[in-house]
Every structure is written in C-alpha cells, then in structure tokens.
C-alpha cells in the first residue's frame, strides 16, 4: 500500500479563512500546531487552565489565550491533540468539549488509544511501554468512537502507529539517532508510512492487539 504524502501545495488555506481555530493545550503538539496556524494567518486561540504555566509562553509567542470553555465556544474548529490519555477522567473532559463546540462546529481529535496486547499471558509489557508518554487514564478506541458518535457526527477516522512502525522507528531510527535522516528522506518516510498502514489495515484487523496505537477523528456537532 502506497502512503499518500501531503505538502504545502496540497493544502487550501482559504478553507480556514474567517475561521477561528482553538488549540487545547500548549505542549509538544499544541504549541507546534498553534504557531504553524498562527504564522499561516489563521485566527488561533489557545485554551488553557487559569493557572497553567504555559499561558505566559503562549502569550509571549503572540498567541491569544483563553480559558478552555471560552476558547472552545469561540472557535469554528477545535483541536485536542494527545491530551485525553493524560487525564484520569477523559470522558468528562470530552463531554465538556463536545457540549461547548458550537452547532455545526468541528472537533479534531488525535489520541493514543489502548488495545489488548499480543500473547499477553506470555509477556508483561509492550514494545513501546518505556518509550511513550505516561498514561493517566486508558482511552479505548471503541469507547472513544462510540462516545463521539452518541453526541454528533464522526466525519472521518484515521489510524496510525502500528506495532510494526514502533519497532521500525525504535530499532532503526531511535537507537542509531537517525531522526535527521528520517526527516530529510521522503523515500524513507513514505516507506515507513506505507508499511504502517499496510500492517495496521491487514493484521491489525485480524487481531486488535496488532492494530493502530493512535487515531485521528474529525467530529462535527449537529
């Protein structure tokens, strides 16, 4: 399966003209997306808790900052990227986010999901257990999608990061500190992405424990 690569020329910035995008959180993913959109001329608001230490950082970067409910209610598109699995009660947080999204508005969610392990009785840990960020709470893929479908329309679901990709990156890239090579090489990136999709969509459908570790969902409030 050939991976589809997207570049600047493939994007249509006019789709976000006159739209406000709320980025919830300002960590490793949130600040990158917020700054990228802001520098591309998109109206961005960062949603943070009142006492968050990241408020000053976002404001120093020239970004507008608001409390999370205010940011969500003011936006046409809300992005929550890798936040829920750090929360002990992701359902309550997502319930509040969905309820605050304006009618017809969109929620773009990218999340690490939990799944059964292969041959769990014979091994105590997964290939990525000591490598990924710590999880405060579990976010099962099926529960996440069911939750969103009960509260609106799931427009798109895309899985990625199969166990094969984790293994390729860990043993071929991470241990040899070849991240610069991966970032420069279009061929290598396409190969990794293609293998990831082929593995997750074949063996991952046979056994959930071989499926994708992450999911991106586009949800619309009716």
C-alpha atoms as a PDB file:
ATOM      1  CA  UNK A   1       0.000   0.000   0.000  1.00  0.00           C
ATOM      2  CA  UNK A   2       1.474   3.351  -1.062  1.00  0.00           C
ATOM      3  CA  UNK A   3       1.417   6.118   1.522  1.00  0.00           C
ATOM      4  CA  UNK A   4      -0.026   9.471   0.489  1.00  0.00           C
ATOM      5  CA  UNK A   5       2.327  12.356   1.232  1.00  0.00           C
ATOM      6  CA  UNK A   6       0.952  15.876   1.624  1.00  0.00           C
ATOM      7  CA  UNK A   7       2.879  19.100   1.061  1.00  0.00           C
ATOM      8  CA  UNK A   8       2.140  22.841   1.189  1.00  0.00           C
ATOM      9  CA  UNK A   9       0.785  22.815  -2.361  1.00  0.00           C
ATOM     10  CA  UNK A  10      -1.821  20.208  -1.380  1.00  0.00           C
ATOM     11  CA  UNK A  11      -3.393  22.429   1.268  1.00  0.00           C
ATOM     12  CA  UNK A  12      -6.018  25.092   0.657  1.00  0.00           C
ATOM     13  CA  UNK A  13      -5.566  27.794   3.325  1.00  0.00           C
ATOM     14  CA  UNK A  14      -8.752  29.504   2.145  1.00  0.00           C
ATOM     15  CA  UNK A  15     -10.720  26.716   3.834  1.00  0.00           C
ATOM     16  CA  UNK A  16      -9.880  28.358   7.156  1.00  0.00           C
ATOM     17  CA  UNK A  17     -10.400  31.948   6.001  1.00  0.00           C
ATOM     18  CA  UNK A  18     -12.511  33.783   8.547  1.00  0.00           C
ATOM     19  CA  UNK A  19     -12.487  30.747  10.855  1.00  0.00           C
ATOM     20  CA  UNK A  20     -11.223  30.613  14.423  1.00  0.00           C
ATOM     21  CA  UNK A  21      -9.241  27.541  15.489  1.00  0.00           C
ATOM     22  CA  UNK A  22      -8.922  26.656  19.179  1.00  0.00           C
ATOM     23  CA  UNK A  23      -5.897  24.618  20.238  1.00  0.00           C
ATOM     24  CA  UNK A  24      -6.446  22.956  23.600  1.00  0.00           C
ATOM     25  CA  UNK A  25      -3.164  22.642  25.442  1.00  0.00           C
ATOM     26  CA  UNK A  26       0.244  24.068  24.674  1.00  0.00           C
ATOM     27  CA  UNK A  27       2.566  21.080  24.993  1.00  0.00           C
ATOM     28  CA  UNK A  28       4.770  19.443  22.378  1.00  0.00           C
ATOM     29  CA  UNK A  29       1.927  19.147  19.863  1.00  0.00           C
ATOM     30  CA  UNK A  30      -0.254  22.080  20.847  1.00  0.00           C
ATOM     31  CA  UNK A  31       2.407  24.764  20.546  1.00  0.00           C
ATOM     32  CA  UNK A  32       3.599  23.440  17.158  1.00  0.00           C
ATOM     33  CA  UNK A  33       0.112  23.438  15.661  1.00  0.00           C
ATOM     34  CA  UNK A  34      -0.807  26.783  17.227  1.00  0.00           C
ATOM     35  CA  UNK A  35       2.300  28.547  15.922  1.00  0.00           C
ATOM     36  CA  UNK A  36       2.063  26.920  12.488  1.00  0.00           C
ATOM     37  CA  UNK A  37      -1.526  28.057  12.022  1.00  0.00           C
ATOM     38  CA  UNK A  38      -0.873  31.497  13.522  1.00  0.00           C
ATOM     39  CA  UNK A  39       2.092  32.103  11.220  1.00  0.00           C
ATOM     40  CA  UNK A  40      -0.049  30.975   8.286  1.00  0.00           C
ATOM     41  CA  UNK A  41      -2.524  33.759   9.014  1.00  0.00           C
ATOM     42  CA  UNK A  42      -5.198  31.701  10.792  1.00  0.00           C
ATOM     43  CA  UNK A  43      -7.037  33.173  13.770  1.00  0.00           C
ATOM     44  CA  UNK A  44      -5.874  30.978  16.667  1.00  0.00           C
ATOM     45  CA  UNK A  45      -6.863  30.894  20.314  1.00  0.00           C
ATOM     46  CA  UNK A  46      -5.098  28.630  22.810  1.00  0.00           C
ATOM     47  CA  UNK A  47      -7.262  27.116  25.524  1.00  0.00           C
ATOM     48  CA  UNK A  48      -5.518  26.637  28.872  1.00  0.00           C
ATOM     49  CA  UNK A  49      -6.392  26.264  32.527  1.00  0.00           C
ATOM     50  CA  UNK A  50      -6.344  29.538  34.503  1.00  0.00           C
ATOM     51  CA  UNK A  51      -3.196  28.595  36.428  1.00  0.00           C
ATOM     52  CA  UNK A  52      -1.308  26.958  33.581  1.00  0.00           C
ATOM     53  CA  UNK A  53       2.395  27.835  33.339  1.00  0.00           C
ATOM     54  CA  UNK A  54       2.037  27.665  29.566  1.00  0.00           C
ATOM     55  CA  UNK A  55      -0.139  30.792  29.434  1.00  0.00           C
ATOM     56  CA  UNK A  56       2.863  33.095  29.603  1.00  0.00           C
ATOM     57  CA  UNK A  57       4.725  31.089  26.942  1.00  0.00           C
ATOM     58  CA  UNK A  58       1.791  31.230  24.529  1.00  0.00           C
ATOM     59  CA  UNK A  59       1.254  34.936  25.096  1.00  0.00           C
ATOM     60  CA  UNK A  60       4.965  35.654  24.583  1.00  0.00           C
ATOM     61  CA  UNK A  61       4.694  33.871  21.238  1.00  0.00           C
ATOM     62  CA  UNK A  62       1.982  36.317  20.223  1.00  0.00           C
ATOM     63  CA  UNK A  63      -0.933  33.934  20.649  1.00  0.00           C
ATOM     64  CA  UNK A  64      -4.317  34.742  22.094  1.00  0.00           C
ATOM     65  CA  UNK A  65      -5.020  32.723  25.260  1.00  0.00           C
ATOM     66  CA  UNK A  66      -8.342  31.986  26.933  1.00  0.00           C
ATOM     67  CA  UNK A  67      -9.807  29.590  29.470  1.00  0.00           C
ATOM     68  CA  UNK A  68     -10.709  26.291  27.806  1.00  0.00           C
ATOM     69  CA  UNK A  69     -14.532  26.748  27.760  1.00  0.00           C
ATOM     70  CA  UNK A  70     -14.186  30.256  26.323  1.00  0.00           C
ATOM     71  CA  UNK A  71     -11.696  29.121  23.679  1.00  0.00           C
ATOM     72  CA  UNK A  72     -13.903  26.229  22.560  1.00  0.00           C
ATOM     73  CA  UNK A  73     -17.112  28.254  22.410  1.00  0.00           C
ATOM     74  CA  UNK A  74     -15.402  30.969  20.334  1.00  0.00           C
ATOM     75  CA  UNK A  75     -13.984  28.580  17.726  1.00  0.00           C
ATOM     76  CA  UNK A  76     -15.238  27.058  14.497  1.00  0.00           C
ATOM     77  CA  UNK A  77     -12.671  24.244  14.722  1.00  0.00           C
ATOM     78  CA  UNK A  78     -11.354  22.790  17.995  1.00  0.00           C
ATOM     79  CA  UNK A  79      -8.158  20.706  18.119  1.00  0.00           C
ATOM     80  CA  UNK A  80      -7.401  18.376  21.031  1.00  0.00           C
ATOM     81  CA  UNK A  81      -4.114  16.621  20.328  1.00  0.00           C
ATOM     82  CA  UNK A  82      -2.785  13.919  22.628  1.00  0.00           C
ATOM     83  CA  UNK A  83      -4.418  15.326  25.756  1.00  0.00           C
ATOM     84  CA  UNK A  84      -7.088  12.841  26.856  1.00  0.00           C
ATOM     85  CA  UNK A  85      -4.800   9.950  27.797  1.00  0.00           C
ATOM     86  CA  UNK A  86      -3.078  12.226  30.317  1.00  0.00           C
ATOM     87  CA  UNK A  87      -6.374  12.696  32.176  1.00  0.00           C
ATOM     88  CA  UNK A  88      -7.815  10.382  34.811  1.00  0.00           C
ATOM     89  CA  UNK A  89     -11.364  11.041  33.527  1.00  0.00           C
ATOM     90  CA  UNK A  90     -11.185  11.598  29.767  1.00  0.00           C
ATOM     91  CA  UNK A  91     -14.936  11.088  29.289  1.00  0.00           C
ATOM     92  CA  UNK A  92     -15.876  14.072  31.444  1.00  0.00           C
ATOM     93  CA  UNK A  93     -13.298  16.270  29.693  1.00  0.00           C
ATOM     94  CA  UNK A  94     -14.501  15.224  26.247  1.00  0.00           C
ATOM     95  CA  UNK A  95     -18.137  15.630  27.267  1.00  0.00           C
ATOM     96  CA  UNK A  96     -17.460  19.234  28.226  1.00  0.00           C
ATOM     97  CA  UNK A  97     -15.573  19.864  24.989  1.00  0.00           C
ATOM     98  CA  UNK A  98     -18.338  18.385  22.810  1.00  0.00           C
ATOM     99  CA  UNK A  99     -21.025  20.295  24.664  1.00  0.00           C
ATOM    100  CA  UNK A 100     -19.153  23.574  24.221  1.00  0.00           C
ATOM    101  CA  UNK A 101     -18.431  23.226  20.491  1.00  0.00           C
ATOM    102  CA  UNK A 102     -20.827  25.470  18.629  1.00  0.00           C
ATOM    103  CA  UNK A 103     -23.536  23.759  16.492  1.00  0.00           C
ATOM    104  CA  UNK A 104     -22.006  22.860  13.138  1.00  0.00           C
ATOM    105  CA  UNK A 105     -18.503  23.285  14.552  1.00  0.00           C
ATOM    106  CA  UNK A 106     -15.755  20.702  14.254  1.00  0.00           C
ATOM    107  CA  UNK A 107     -13.593  18.887  16.768  1.00  0.00           C
ATOM    108  CA  UNK A 108     -10.301  17.424  15.508  1.00  0.00           C
ATOM    109  CA  UNK A 109      -9.049  14.830  17.948  1.00  0.00           C
ATOM    110  CA  UNK A 110      -5.756  12.945  17.858  1.00  0.00           C
ATOM    111  CA  UNK A 111      -5.308  10.420  20.632  1.00  0.00           C
ATOM    112  CA  UNK A 112      -3.277   7.444  21.798  1.00  0.00           C
ATOM    113  CA  UNK A 113      -5.613   4.502  22.253  1.00  0.00           C
ATOM    114  CA  UNK A 114      -5.312   1.354  24.315  1.00  0.00           C
ATOM    115  CA  UNK A 115      -5.777  -2.153  22.996  1.00  0.00           C
ATOM    116  CA  UNK A 116      -5.155  -5.764  24.107  1.00  0.00           C
ATOM    117  CA  UNK A 117      -1.579  -6.999  23.862  1.00  0.00           C
ATOM    118  CA  UNK A 118      -0.497  -9.890  21.687  1.00  0.00           C
ATOM    119  CA  UNK A 119       0.174 -13.021  23.743  1.00  0.00           C
ATOM    120  CA  UNK A 120      -0.324 -11.004  26.924  1.00  0.00           C
ATOM    121  CA  UNK A 121      -0.070 -14.100  29.099  1.00  0.00           C
ATOM    122  CA  UNK A 122       3.492 -14.685  27.870  1.00  0.00           C
ATOM    123  CA  UNK A 123       4.860 -11.154  28.252  1.00  0.00           C
ATOM    124  CA  UNK A 124       4.275  -8.338  30.703  1.00  0.00           C
ATOM    125  CA  UNK A 125       4.923  -5.254  28.538  1.00  0.00           C
ATOM    126  CA  UNK A 126       4.633  -3.814  25.052  1.00  0.00           C
ATOM    127  CA  UNK A 127       7.384  -2.679  22.705  1.00  0.00           C
ATOM    128  CA  UNK A 128       6.648   0.992  23.412  1.00  0.00           C
ATOM    129  CA  UNK A 129       5.881   0.900  27.158  1.00  0.00           C
ATOM    130  CA  UNK A 130       9.092   2.637  28.252  1.00  0.00           C
ATOM    131  CA  UNK A 131       9.158   4.994  25.296  1.00  0.00           C
ATOM    132  CA  UNK A 132       5.795   6.725  25.075  1.00  0.00           C
ATOM    133  CA  UNK A 133       4.487   9.410  27.406  1.00  0.00           C
ATOM    134  CA  UNK A 134       2.854   8.162  30.616  1.00  0.00           C
ATOM    135  CA  UNK A 135      -0.881   7.474  30.532  1.00  0.00           C
ATOM    136  CA  UNK A 136      -3.006   8.680  33.402  1.00  0.00           C
ATOM    137  CA  UNK A 137      -6.127   7.016  32.029  1.00  0.00           C
ATOM    138  CA  UNK A 138      -6.984   4.486  29.345  1.00  0.00           C
ATOM    139  CA  UNK A 139      -8.727   5.645  26.147  1.00  0.00           C
ATOM    140  CA  UNK A 140     -10.032   2.549  24.319  1.00  0.00           C
ATOM    141  CA  UNK A 141     -10.610   3.223  20.607  1.00  0.00           C
ATOM    142  CA  UNK A 142     -14.061   1.602  20.522  1.00  0.00           C
ATOM    143  CA  UNK A 143     -15.230   3.552  23.573  1.00  0.00           C
ATOM    144  CA  UNK A 144     -13.887   6.818  22.167  1.00  0.00           C
ATOM    145  CA  UNK A 145     -15.682   6.411  18.827  1.00  0.00           C
ATOM    146  CA  UNK A 146     -18.910   5.271  20.456  1.00  0.00           C
ATOM    147  CA  UNK A 147     -18.793   8.273  22.778  1.00  0.00           C
ATOM    148  CA  UNK A 148     -18.345  10.719  19.893  1.00  0.00           C
ATOM    149  CA  UNK A 149     -20.999   9.087  17.690  1.00  0.00           C
ATOM    150  CA  UNK A 150     -23.535   9.383  20.507  1.00  0.00           C
ATOM    151  CA  UNK A 151     -23.003  13.139  20.607  1.00  0.00           C
ATOM    152  CA  UNK A 152     -22.608  14.131  16.975  1.00  0.00           C
ATOM    153  CA  UNK A 153     -21.315  13.005  13.601  1.00  0.00           C
ATOM    154  CA  UNK A 154     -17.955  11.292  13.142  1.00  0.00           C
ATOM    155  CA  UNK A 155     -16.851  12.549   9.732  1.00  0.00           C
ATOM    156  CA  UNK A 156     -13.527  10.740   9.470  1.00  0.00           C
ATOM    157  CA  UNK A 157     -11.402   8.195  11.352  1.00  0.00           C
ATOM    158  CA  UNK A 158      -7.757   7.500  10.550  1.00  0.00           C
ATOM    159  CA  UNK A 159      -5.455   5.106  12.400  1.00  0.00           C
ATOM    160  CA  UNK A 160      -1.668   5.157  12.536  1.00  0.00           C
ATOM    161  CA  UNK A 161       1.344   3.978  14.555  1.00  0.00           C
ATOM    162  CA  UNK A 162       1.039   0.194  14.300  1.00  0.00           C
ATOM    163  CA  UNK A 163       3.389  -2.037  16.337  1.00  0.00           C
ATOM    164  CA  UNK A 164       5.455  -2.503  13.166  1.00  0.00           C
ATOM    165  CA  UNK A 165       6.084   1.225  12.840  1.00  0.00           C
ATOM    166  CA  UNK A 166       7.014   1.488  16.508  1.00  0.00           C
ATOM    167  CA  UNK A 167       9.534  -1.302  16.031  1.00  0.00           C
ATOM    168  CA  UNK A 168      10.988   0.223  12.841  1.00  0.00           C
ATOM    169  CA  UNK A 169      11.415   3.651  14.397  1.00  0.00           C
ATOM    170  CA  UNK A 170      12.754   2.301  17.667  1.00  0.00           C
ATOM    171  CA  UNK A 171      15.309  -0.154  16.321  1.00  0.00           C
ATOM    172  CA  UNK A 172      16.299   1.521  13.033  1.00  0.00           C
ATOM    173  CA  UNK A 173      15.977   5.214  13.942  1.00  0.00           C
ATOM    174  CA  UNK A 174      15.936   5.747  17.699  1.00  0.00           C
ATOM    175  CA  UNK A 175      18.863   3.561  18.713  1.00  0.00           C
ATOM    176  CA  UNK A 176      21.039   4.922  15.923  1.00  0.00           C
ATOM    177  CA  UNK A 177      19.886   8.529  16.464  1.00  0.00           C
ATOM    178  CA  UNK A 178      18.911   8.776  12.799  1.00  0.00           C
ATOM    179  CA  UNK A 179      15.986  11.169  13.231  1.00  0.00           C
ATOM    180  CA  UNK A 180      17.577  13.756  10.926  1.00  0.00           C
ATOM    181  CA  UNK A 181      17.763  11.119   8.201  1.00  0.00           C
ATOM    182  CA  UNK A 182      14.098  10.219   8.657  1.00  0.00           C
ATOM    183  CA  UNK A 183      13.086  13.888   8.479  1.00  0.00           C
ATOM    184  CA  UNK A 184      15.145  14.522   5.312  1.00  0.00           C
ATOM    185  CA  UNK A 185      14.282  11.392   3.389  1.00  0.00           C
ATOM    186  CA  UNK A 186      10.947  11.428   1.591  1.00  0.00           C
ATOM    187  CA  UNK A 187      11.518   7.846   0.434  1.00  0.00           C
ATOM    188  CA  UNK A 188      12.146   6.561   3.950  1.00  0.00           C
ATOM    189  CA  UNK A 189       9.140   8.410   5.340  1.00  0.00           C
ATOM    190  CA  UNK A 190       6.880   7.043   2.607  1.00  0.00           C
ATOM    191  CA  UNK A 191       8.193   3.522   3.229  1.00  0.00           C
ATOM    192  CA  UNK A 192       7.563   3.739   6.979  1.00  0.00           C
ATOM    193  CA  UNK A 193       4.072   5.194   6.475  1.00  0.00           C
ATOM    194  CA  UNK A 194       3.178   2.652   3.806  1.00  0.00           C
ATOM    195  CA  UNK A 195       4.294  -0.295   5.918  1.00  0.00           C
ATOM    196  CA  UNK A 196       2.460   1.163   8.900  1.00  0.00           C
ATOM    197  CA  UNK A 197      -0.839   1.414   7.013  1.00  0.00           C
ATOM    198  CA  UNK A 198      -0.467  -1.983   5.331  1.00  0.00           C
ATOM    199  CA  UNK A 199       0.272  -3.713   8.642  1.00  0.00           C
ATOM    200  CA  UNK A 200      -2.475  -1.963  10.636  1.00  0.00           C
ATOM    201  CA  UNK A 201      -5.146  -2.498   7.971  1.00  0.00           C
ATOM    202  CA  UNK A 202      -4.402  -6.192   7.479  1.00  0.00           C
ATOM    203  CA  UNK A 203      -3.027  -7.931  10.569  1.00  0.00           C
ATOM    204  CA  UNK A 204      -4.491  -5.166  12.716  1.00  0.00           C
ATOM    205  CA  UNK A 205      -7.979  -6.158  11.589  1.00  0.00           C
ATOM    206  CA  UNK A 206      -7.318  -9.795  12.375  1.00  0.00           C
ATOM    207  CA  UNK A 207      -6.133  -9.059  15.911  1.00  0.00           C
ATOM    208  CA  UNK A 208      -6.883  -5.750  17.683  1.00  0.00           C
ATOM    209  CA  UNK A 209      -3.592  -6.004  19.568  1.00  0.00           C
ATOM    210  CA  UNK A 210      -1.759  -5.644  16.242  1.00  0.00           C
ATOM    211  CA  UNK A 211      -3.767  -2.577  15.236  1.00  0.00           C
ATOM    212  CA  UNK A 212      -3.010   1.124  15.341  1.00  0.00           C
ATOM    213  CA  UNK A 213      -1.861   2.775  18.577  1.00  0.00           C
ATOM    214  CA  UNK A 214      -3.146   6.221  17.621  1.00  0.00           C
ATOM    215  CA  UNK A 215      -6.281   7.546  15.988  1.00  0.00           C
ATOM    216  CA  UNK A 216      -7.299  10.848  14.426  1.00  0.00           C
ATOM    217  CA  UNK A 217     -11.006  11.685  14.426  1.00  0.00           C
ATOM    218  CA  UNK A 218     -12.905  14.538  12.800  1.00  0.00           C
ATOM    219  CA  UNK A 219     -16.175  15.088  14.676  1.00  0.00           C
ATOM    220  CA  UNK A 220     -18.958  17.558  13.918  1.00  0.00           C
ATOM    221  CA  UNK A 221     -21.621  18.754  16.287  1.00  0.00           C
ATOM    222  CA  UNK A 222     -25.067  18.519  14.729  1.00  0.00           C
END
